[in-house]
C-alpha atoms as a PDB file:
ATOM      1  CA  MET A   1    -175.450 153.567  -1.797  1.00  0.00           C
ATOM      2  CA  LYS A   2    -177.866 150.449  -2.363  1.00  0.00           C
ATOM      3  CA  LYS A   3    -180.388 152.493   0.649  1.00  0.00           C
ATOM      4  CA  ILE A   4    -180.123 155.691  -2.430  1.00  0.00           C
ATOM      5  CA  LEU A   5    -180.762 153.589  -5.125  1.00  0.00           C
ATOM      6  CA  PRO A   6    -184.892 152.955  -4.695  1.00  0.00           C
ATOM      7  CA  LEU A   7    -184.611 156.428  -3.539  1.00  0.00           C
ATOM      8  CA  LEU A   8    -183.510 157.797  -7.011  1.00  0.00           C
ATOM      9  CA  LEU A   9    -185.560 154.970  -8.916  1.00  0.00           C
ATOM     10  CA  CYS A  10    -188.670 156.314  -7.318  1.00  0.00           C
ATOM     11  CA  ILE A  11    -187.680 159.997  -8.260  1.00  0.00           C
ATOM     12  CA  VAL A  12    -186.798 159.309 -11.468  1.00  0.00           C
ATOM     13  CA  THR A  13    -190.109 157.295 -11.861  1.00  0.00           C
ATOM     14  CA  THR A  14    -192.339 160.227 -10.340  1.00  0.00           C
ATOM     15  CA  ILE A  15    -190.974 162.847 -12.896  1.00  0.00           C
ATOM     16  CA  ILE A  16    -191.855 160.515 -15.936  1.00  0.00           C
ATOM     17  CA  SER A  17    -195.425 159.225 -14.771  1.00  0.00           C
ATOM     18  CA  ALA A  18    -195.246 163.372 -14.428  1.00  0.00           C
ATOM     19  CA  GLN A  19    -194.157 164.274 -17.695  1.00  0.00           C
ATOM     20  CA  SER A  20    -196.007 161.634 -19.243  1.00  0.00           C
ATOM     21  CA  GLU A  21    -199.389 162.643 -17.011  1.00  0.00           C
ATOM     22  CA  ALA A  22    -198.363 166.353 -18.824  1.00  0.00           C
ATOM     23  CA  HIS A  23    -198.329 164.559 -22.632  1.00  0.00           C
ATOM     24  CA  LEU A  24    -201.886 163.173 -22.386  1.00  0.00           C
ATOM     25  CA  GLU A  25    -203.752 166.037 -21.171  1.00  0.00           C
ATOM     26  CA  LYS A  26    -201.949 167.679 -23.659  1.00  0.00           C
ATOM     27  CA  PHE A  27    -203.114 165.464 -26.174  1.00  0.00           C
ATOM     28  CA  SER A  28    -207.016 165.374 -24.417  1.00  0.00           C
ATOM     29  CA  ASN A  29    -206.890 168.923 -25.265  1.00  0.00           C
ATOM     30  CA  LEU A  30    -206.636 168.518 -29.092  1.00  0.00           C
ATOM     31  CA  GLU A  31    -209.974 169.111 -30.388  1.00  0.00           C
ATOM     32  CA  PRO A  32    -210.361 168.796 -34.635  1.00  0.00           C
ATOM     33  CA  ASP A  33    -212.725 172.234 -34.788  1.00  0.00           C
ATOM     34  CA  LEU A  34    -214.140 174.684 -32.619  1.00  0.00           C
ATOM     35  CA  TRP A  35    -217.541 176.402 -33.187  1.00  0.00           C
ATOM     36  CA  LEU A  36    -217.151 179.958 -33.258  1.00  0.00           C
ATOM     37  CA  GLY A  37    -220.303 181.297 -34.145  1.00  0.00           C
ATOM     38  CA  ILE A  38    -219.366 182.459 -37.865  1.00  0.00           C
ATOM     39  CA  TRP A  39    -222.780 181.708 -39.497  1.00  0.00           C
ATOM     40  CA  ASP A  40    -225.085 184.821 -39.443  1.00  0.00           C
ATOM     41  CA  SER A  41    -228.188 183.238 -40.142  1.00  0.00           C
ATOM     42  CA  ALA A  42    -230.499 185.451 -39.390  1.00  0.00           C
ATOM     43  CA  HIS A  43    -228.940 187.441 -41.973  1.00  0.00           C
ATOM     44  CA  SER A  44    -228.905 184.411 -44.643  1.00  0.00           C
ATOM     45  CA  ASN A  45    -231.628 183.072 -47.420  1.00  0.00           C
ATOM     46  CA  THR A  46    -234.621 181.607 -45.248  1.00  0.00           C
ATOM     47  CA  LYS A  47    -235.711 179.296 -48.492  1.00  0.00           C
ATOM     48  CA  LEU A  48    -232.613 177.973 -48.480  1.00  0.00           C
ATOM     49  CA  LYS A  49    -232.200 175.263 -45.903  1.00  0.00           C
ATOM     50  CA  ILE A  50    -228.872 175.653 -44.163  1.00  0.00           C
ATOM     51  CA  ASP A  51    -227.485 172.752 -42.394  1.00  0.00           C
ATOM     52  CA  THR A  52    -224.536 172.987 -39.607  1.00  0.00           C
ATOM     53  CA  LEU A  53    -222.355 169.992 -40.229  1.00  0.00           C
ATOM     54  CA  SER A  54    -219.781 169.014 -37.175  1.00  0.00           C
ATOM     55  CA  TYR A  55    -216.440 167.344 -37.937  1.00  0.00           C
ATOM     56  CA  ASP A  56    -217.093 163.622 -38.251  1.00  0.00           C
ATOM     57  CA  ASP A  57    -220.571 165.022 -39.959  1.00  0.00           C
ATOM     58  CA  ILE A  58    -217.938 166.162 -42.989  1.00  0.00           C
ATOM     59  CA  PRO A  59    -216.709 163.638 -45.867  1.00  0.00           C
ATOM     60  CA  LYS A  60    -213.239 161.904 -45.038  1.00  0.00           C
ATOM     61  CA  ALA A  61    -211.958 162.453 -48.823  1.00  0.00           C
ATOM     62  CA  LEU A  62    -211.965 166.389 -48.785  1.00  0.00           C
ATOM     63  CA  ASP A  63    -208.524 168.343 -48.203  1.00  0.00           C
ATOM     64  CA  PHE A  64    -208.873 171.378 -46.270  1.00  0.00           C
ATOM     65  CA  ARG A  65    -206.733 172.868 -43.651  1.00  0.00           C
ATOM     66  CA  GLY A  66    -206.040 174.612 -39.898  1.00  0.00           C
ATOM     67  CA  THR A  67    -209.255 173.849 -37.611  1.00  0.00           C
ATOM     68  CA  VAL A  68    -212.969 173.679 -38.422  1.00  0.00           C
ATOM     69  CA  VAL A  69    -214.542 176.745 -37.083  1.00  0.00           C
ATOM     70  CA  GLU A  70    -217.400 176.561 -39.472  1.00  0.00           C
ATOM     71  CA  ALA A  71    -219.137 174.599 -42.359  1.00  0.00           C
ATOM     72  CA  LEU A  72    -222.729 174.671 -43.188  1.00  0.00           C
ATOM     73  CA  GLN A  73    -224.021 172.277 -46.111  1.00  0.00           C
ATOM     74  CA  TRP A  74    -227.013 173.788 -48.843  1.00  0.00           C
ATOM     75  CA  GLU A  75    -228.626 172.726 -51.993  1.00  0.00           C
ATOM     76  CA  ASP A  76    -229.119 175.368 -55.154  1.00  0.00           C
ATOM     77  CA  GLY A  77    -229.772 175.802 -58.639  1.00  0.00           C
ATOM     78  CA  ILE A  78    -225.545 174.571 -58.629  1.00  0.00           C
ATOM     79  CA  GLY A  79    -225.831 171.068 -56.574  1.00  0.00           C
ATOM     80  CA  ASP A  80    -224.619 170.122 -53.605  1.00  0.00           C
ATOM     81  CA  ASN A  81    -222.259 172.915 -51.328  1.00  0.00           C
ATOM     82  CA  LEU A  82    -220.734 172.692 -48.752  1.00  0.00           C
ATOM     83  CA  LEU A  83    -218.667 175.466 -46.732  1.00  0.00           C
ATOM     84  CA  ILE A  84    -215.906 174.702 -44.841  1.00  0.00           C
ATOM     85  CA  GLN A  85    -213.622 178.217 -42.772  1.00  0.00           C
ATOM     86  CA  THR A  86    -210.905 177.374 -40.748  1.00  0.00           C
ATOM     87  CA  VAL A  87    -208.213 178.999 -38.625  1.00  0.00           C
ATOM     88  CA  THR A  88    -204.850 178.155 -38.022  1.00  0.00           C
ATOM     89  CA  GLY A  89    -204.430 179.536 -34.554  1.00  0.00           C
ATOM     90  CA  HIS A  90    -200.939 181.402 -33.933  1.00  0.00           C
ATOM     91  CA  PHE A  91    -197.268 179.678 -34.386  1.00  0.00           C
ATOM     92  CA  ASN A  92    -193.593 180.971 -35.264  1.00  0.00           C
ATOM     93  CA  TRP A  93    -192.752 181.945 -38.781  1.00  0.00           C
ATOM     94  CA  LYS A  94    -189.362 182.570 -40.034  1.00  0.00           C
ATOM     95  CA  ASP A  95    -188.557 185.898 -42.328  1.00  0.00           C
ATOM     96  CA  TYR A  96    -185.526 185.293 -44.210  1.00  0.00           C
ATOM     97  CA  GLU A  97    -182.679 188.225 -44.755  1.00  0.00           C
ATOM     98  CA  GLU A  98    -181.937 187.741 -49.228  1.00  0.00           C
ATOM     99  CA  ASN A  99    -179.291 186.230 -48.014  1.00  0.00           C
ATOM    100  CA  GLY A 100    -181.073 183.359 -47.508  1.00  0.00           C
ATOM    101  CA  ILE A 101    -179.384 182.362 -44.612  1.00  0.00           C
ATOM    102  CA  ASP A 102    -179.938 185.091 -41.551  1.00  0.00           C
ATOM    103  CA  TYR A 103    -183.794 184.816 -40.517  1.00  0.00           C
ATOM    104  CA  MET A 104    -185.793 186.667 -37.932  1.00  0.00           C
ATOM    105  CA  VAL A 105    -188.370 184.587 -36.042  1.00  0.00           C
ATOM    106  CA  GLN A 106    -192.003 186.216 -36.567  1.00  0.00           C
ATOM    107  CA  ASP A 107    -196.043 185.983 -35.685  1.00  0.00           C
ATOM    108  CA  LYS A 108    -197.593 184.549 -38.329  1.00  0.00           C
ATOM    109  CA  ALA A 109    -201.622 183.075 -38.632  1.00  0.00           C
ATOM    110  CA  GLU A 110    -203.624 182.017 -41.712  1.00  0.00           C
ATOM    111  CA  LEU A 111    -207.537 181.348 -42.759  1.00  0.00           C
ATOM    112  CA  TYR A 112    -209.319 179.189 -44.747  1.00  0.00           C
ATOM    113  CA  ALA A 113    -212.192 178.744 -46.451  1.00  0.00           C
ATOM    114  CA  TYR A 114    -213.249 176.744 -48.901  1.00  0.00           C
ATOM    115  CA  LEU A 115    -216.206 175.354 -51.278  1.00  0.00           C
ATOM    116  CA  PHE A 116    -216.993 171.970 -52.575  1.00  0.00           C
ATOM    117  CA  THR A 117    -219.479 170.966 -54.336  1.00  0.00           C
ATOM    118  CA  LYS A 118    -221.250 168.092 -56.429  1.00  0.00           C
ATOM    119  CA  ASN A 119    -224.358 167.784 -58.882  1.00  0.00           C
ATOM    120  CA  LYS A 120    -226.567 165.254 -59.538  1.00  0.00           C
ATOM    121  CA  GLU A 121    -224.208 163.289 -61.752  1.00  0.00           C
ATOM    122  CA  GLU A 122    -220.796 163.453 -59.240  1.00  0.00           C
ATOM    123  CA  SER A 123    -220.120 161.113 -56.534  1.00  0.00           C
ATOM    124  CA  SER A 124    -218.118 163.339 -54.831  1.00  0.00           C
ATOM    125  CA  TYR A 125    -217.126 166.380 -54.361  1.00  0.00           C
ATOM    126  CA  GLN A 126    -215.249 168.698 -56.082  1.00  0.00           C
ATOM    127  CA  ARG A 127    -212.973 171.922 -54.747  1.00  0.00           C
ATOM    128  CA  LYS A 128    -215.220 175.084 -56.779  1.00  0.00           C
ATOM    129  CA  TRP A 129    -213.275 177.653 -54.979  1.00  0.00           C
ATOM    130  CA  LYS A 130    -211.476 178.537 -51.819  1.00  0.00           C
ATOM    131  CA  ILE A 131    -210.118 181.854 -49.687  1.00  0.00           C
ATOM    132  CA  TYR A 132    -206.908 181.798 -48.290  1.00  0.00           C
ATOM    133  CA  ASP A 133    -205.216 184.860 -46.400  1.00  0.00           C
ATOM    134  CA  TYR A 134    -202.413 185.524 -43.448  1.00  0.00           C
ATOM    135  CA  THR A 135    -201.037 187.842 -41.319  1.00  0.00           C
ATOM    136  CA  GLU A 136    -197.014 188.228 -40.731  1.00  0.00           C
ATOM    137  CA  CYS A 137    -197.381 190.586 -37.840  1.00  0.00           C
ATOM    138  CA  PHE A 138    -193.988 191.526 -35.311  1.00  0.00           C
ATOM    139  CA  GLY A 139    -196.208 193.564 -33.201  1.00  0.00           C
ATOM    140  CA  VAL A 140    -197.753 194.503 -29.685  1.00  0.00           C
ATOM    141  CA  ASP A 141    -201.559 193.139 -31.401  1.00  0.00           C
ATOM    142  CA  TRP A 142    -202.037 191.027 -33.727  1.00  0.00           C
ATOM    143  CA  TYR A 143    -204.684 187.926 -35.179  1.00  0.00           C
ATOM    144  CA  ILE A 144    -206.661 187.449 -38.324  1.00  0.00           C
ATOM    145  CA  GLY A 145    -209.807 185.356 -37.947  1.00  0.00           C
ATOM    146  CA  PHE A 146    -213.567 186.013 -39.553  1.00  0.00           C
ATOM    147  CA  LEU A 147    -216.064 188.167 -37.938  1.00  0.00           C
ATOM    148  CA  ALA A 148    -218.609 186.629 -35.965  1.00  0.00           C
ATOM    149  CA  LYS A 149    -221.606 185.730 -36.859  1.00  0.00           C
ATOM    150  CA  ALA A 150    -221.441 187.063 -39.892  1.00  0.00           C
ATOM    151  CA  THR A 151    -220.717 184.763 -43.243  1.00  0.00           C
ATOM    152  CA  THR A 152    -223.962 184.917 -45.398  1.00  0.00           C
ATOM    153  CA  ILE A 153    -225.243 182.267 -47.550  1.00  0.00           C
ATOM    154  CA  THR A 154    -228.161 184.693 -49.662  1.00  0.00           C
ATOM    155  CA  ASP A 155    -229.873 184.796 -53.323  1.00  0.00           C
ATOM    156  CA  VAL A 156    -230.373 188.566 -53.085  1.00  0.00           C
ATOM    157  CA  ASP A 157    -230.296 188.014 -56.712  1.00  0.00           C
ATOM    158  CA  GLU A 158    -232.914 185.315 -57.583  1.00  0.00           C
ATOM    159  CA  ASP A 159    -231.163 183.333 -59.998  1.00  0.00           C
ATOM    160  CA  GLY A 160    -231.408 180.292 -57.874  1.00  0.00           C
ATOM    161  CA  ILE A 161    -227.570 180.263 -57.384  1.00  0.00           C
ATOM    162  CA  SER A 162    -226.526 181.303 -54.052  1.00  0.00           C
ATOM    163  CA  GLU A 163    -223.531 183.668 -52.512  1.00  0.00           C
ATOM    164  CA  ILE A 164    -221.613 183.519 -49.964  1.00  0.00           C
ATOM    165  CA  SER A 165    -220.240 186.204 -47.763  1.00  0.00           C
ATOM    166  CA  ILE A 166    -216.947 185.681 -46.399  1.00  0.00           C
ATOM    167  CA  PRO A 167    -216.202 188.891 -43.497  1.00  0.00           C
ATOM    168  CA  TYR A 168    -212.597 189.164 -41.580  1.00  0.00           C
ATOM    169  CA  ILE A 169    -210.184 191.161 -39.878  1.00  0.00           C
ATOM    170  CA  SER A 170    -206.328 191.164 -40.471  1.00  0.00           C
ATOM    171  CA  VAL A 171    -204.609 192.804 -37.451  1.00  0.00           C
ATOM    172  CA  CYS A 172    -200.849 194.134 -37.451  1.00  0.00           C
ATOM    173  CA  ARG A 173    -200.752 196.811 -34.948  1.00  0.00           C
ATOM    174  CA  GLY A 174    -198.794 198.455 -31.738  1.00  0.00           C
ATOM    175  CA  GLY A 175    -201.986 201.279 -31.073  1.00  0.00           C
ATOM    176  CA  MET A 176    -205.082 202.475 -32.380  1.00  0.00           C
ATOM    177  CA  ASP A 177    -205.550 202.147 -35.905  1.00  0.00           C
ATOM    178  CA  PRO A 178    -208.313 200.277 -37.655  1.00  0.00           C
ATOM    179  CA  SER A 179    -208.063 197.357 -38.567  1.00  0.00           C
ATOM    180  CA  SER A 180    -208.173 195.687 -42.281  1.00  0.00           C
ATOM    181  CA  LEU A 181    -211.265 194.328 -42.759  1.00  0.00           C
ATOM    182  CA  LYS A 182    -212.635 192.013 -45.997  1.00  0.00           C
ATOM    183  CA  ILE A 183    -215.724 190.972 -47.339  1.00  0.00           C
ATOM    184  CA  ILE A 184    -214.846 188.033 -50.251  1.00  0.00           C
ATOM    185  CA  MET A 185    -217.837 187.264 -51.815  1.00  0.00           C
ATOM    186  CA  TYR A 186    -218.937 183.870 -54.514  1.00  0.00           C
ATOM    187  CA  GLU A 187    -221.295 183.823 -56.498  1.00  0.00           C
ATOM    188  CA  ASP A 188    -220.606 180.514 -58.176  1.00  0.00           C
ATOM    189  CA  THR A 189    -217.149 180.682 -59.228  1.00  0.00           C
ATOM    190  CA  GLU A 190    -217.665 185.038 -60.273  1.00  0.00           C
ATOM    191  CA  LYS A 191    -215.465 186.849 -56.726  1.00  0.00           C
ATOM    192  CA  TYR A 192    -216.859 190.187 -55.036  1.00  0.00           C
ATOM    193  CA  ALA A 193    -214.663 192.096 -52.928  1.00  0.00           C
ATOM    194  CA  LEU A 194    -214.689 194.668 -50.882  1.00  0.00           C
ATOM    195  CA  ARG A 195    -211.268 195.235 -49.272  1.00  0.00           C
ATOM    196  CA  GLY A 196    -210.844 198.804 -46.273  1.00  0.00           C
ATOM    197  CA  ALA A 197    -210.543 198.795 -43.048  1.00  0.00           C
ATOM    198  CA  THR A 198    -212.369 198.966 -39.598  1.00  0.00           C
ATOM    199  CA  MET A 199    -213.930 202.277 -38.052  1.00  0.00           C
ATOM    200  CA  ILE A 200    -212.634 202.988 -34.804  1.00  0.00           C
ATOM    201  CA  MET A 201    -214.847 205.638 -32.170  1.00  0.00           C
ATOM    202  CA  CYS A 202    -218.028 204.856 -33.993  1.00  0.00           C
ATOM    203  CA  GLY A 203    -220.385 207.202 -32.945  1.00  0.00           C
ATOM    204  CA  SER A 204    -218.486 210.373 -31.871  1.00  0.00           C
ATOM    205  CA  GLU A 205    -217.682 213.016 -33.422  1.00  0.00           C
ATOM    206  CA  ASN A 206    -213.311 211.519 -33.481  1.00  0.00           C
ATOM    207  CA  ALA A 207    -214.423 208.262 -35.336  1.00  0.00           C
ATOM    208  CA  TYR A 208    -212.252 207.596 -38.231  1.00  0.00           C
ATOM    209  CA  GLY A 209    -211.662 204.507 -41.107  1.00  0.00           C
ATOM    210  CA  GLY A 210    -214.228 202.529 -41.953  1.00  0.00           C
ATOM    211  CA  ASP A 211    -213.891 202.924 -45.628  1.00  0.00           C
ATOM    212  CA  PHE A 212    -213.628 200.331 -47.895  1.00  0.00           C
ATOM    213  CA  THR A 213    -212.321 200.191 -52.631  1.00  0.00           C
ATOM    214  CA  MET A 214    -214.452 197.802 -54.242  1.00  0.00           C
ATOM    215  CA  SER A 215    -213.890 195.175 -57.047  1.00  0.00           C
ATOM    216  CA  THR A 216    -214.813 195.722 -60.734  1.00  0.00           C
ATOM    217  CA  THR A 217    -217.042 193.127 -60.409  1.00  0.00           C
ATOM    218  CA  VAL A 218    -219.026 195.153 -57.345  1.00  0.00           C
ATOM    219  CA  GLN A 219    -218.558 198.258 -59.116  1.00  0.00           C
ATOM    220  CA  HIS A 220    -220.673 196.093 -62.108  1.00  0.00           C
ATOM    221  CA  ASN A 221    -223.291 194.814 -60.428  1.00  0.00           C
ATOM    222  CA  ALA A 222    -225.908 197.230 -58.594  1.00  0.00           C
ATOM    223  CA  ILE A 223    -227.680 194.654 -57.224  1.00  0.00           C
ATOM    224  CA  PHE A 224    -224.305 193.181 -55.295  1.00  0.00           C
ATOM    225  CA  LYS A 225    -222.744 196.501 -55.337  1.00  0.00           C
ATOM    226  CA  THR A 226    -225.582 197.651 -52.964  1.00  0.00           C
ATOM    227  CA  PHE A 227    -225.708 194.284 -51.427  1.00  0.00           C
ATOM    228  CA  LEU A 228    -222.101 193.939 -49.627  1.00  0.00           C
ATOM    229  CA  ALA A 229    -221.782 197.820 -48.670  1.00  0.00           C
ATOM    230  CA  GLU A 230    -225.333 197.908 -46.765  1.00  0.00           C
ATOM    231  CA  ARG A 231    -222.837 194.274 -45.337  1.00  0.00           C
ATOM    232  CA  TRP A 232    -220.284 196.655 -44.839  1.00  0.00           C
ATOM    233  CA  ASP A 233    -221.620 199.334 -43.131  1.00  0.00           C
ATOM    234  CA  SER A 234    -222.856 197.232 -40.453  1.00  0.00           C
ATOM    235  CA  ILE A 235    -219.988 195.058 -39.287  1.00  0.00           C
ATOM    236  CA  LYS A 236    -217.462 197.612 -40.062  1.00  0.00           C
ATOM    237  CA  CYS A 237    -217.914 198.968 -36.450  1.00  0.00           C
ATOM    238  CA  GLU A 238    -214.317 197.660 -34.623  1.00  0.00           C
ATOM    239  CA  ASP A 239    -215.662 199.129 -30.927  1.00  0.00           C
ATOM    240  CA  SER A 240    -218.628 196.454 -31.392  1.00  0.00           C
ATOM    241  CA  MET A 241    -217.018 193.482 -33.426  1.00  0.00           C
ATOM    242  CA  GLN A 242    -216.890 189.518 -32.423  1.00  0.00           C
ATOM    243  CA  PHE A 243    -213.960 187.495 -33.071  1.00  0.00           C
END
């Protein structure tokens, strides 16, 4: 028995040590940001001095959820602007039945975009608007996220107030159906939106999808209508999408 105890102690110590190393490795791999190249600098306004921020550059008082995938700062006629785009990644979601007790575990993922602004009279940033969307899915192929090199900061109507256009897709499918595609644009607090589907098999006679509907605000603004329709055509093809 005396010979067995040291051996057992050695085994237990080895197991605990291995668990601790695995635990530490998980923590060492955690990151508060994951830069995915969301900003499309080539199609943004070159007259605006737009800076990308590291996670440490983001003011600590700002309240947002998710892992940061893009953070941009610039000034326009309104003041100092700070755009933060985040995603949560995949997590389990409980889909409760009507009785409020029974449920089925499904997959869920969320995305957020926040605009914080500060004028010359203000000492701290205030949140101007938030975009929130998600996908809840029990499918084979599912995802929600911003398109790479697609978010733009522009001033197409040349009024000194920047427009922020954010395209993203959401997917929940088990076959070859198009994904849901949206472009949400804000100028100050006014929201403009195109909502529709990606195009599949682009450039072939069998291409399908790619249509959209526009919000009333887009319909009533000829400049933004043209701009957003052109942006849609440039990104709608799912075959060449990066996300």
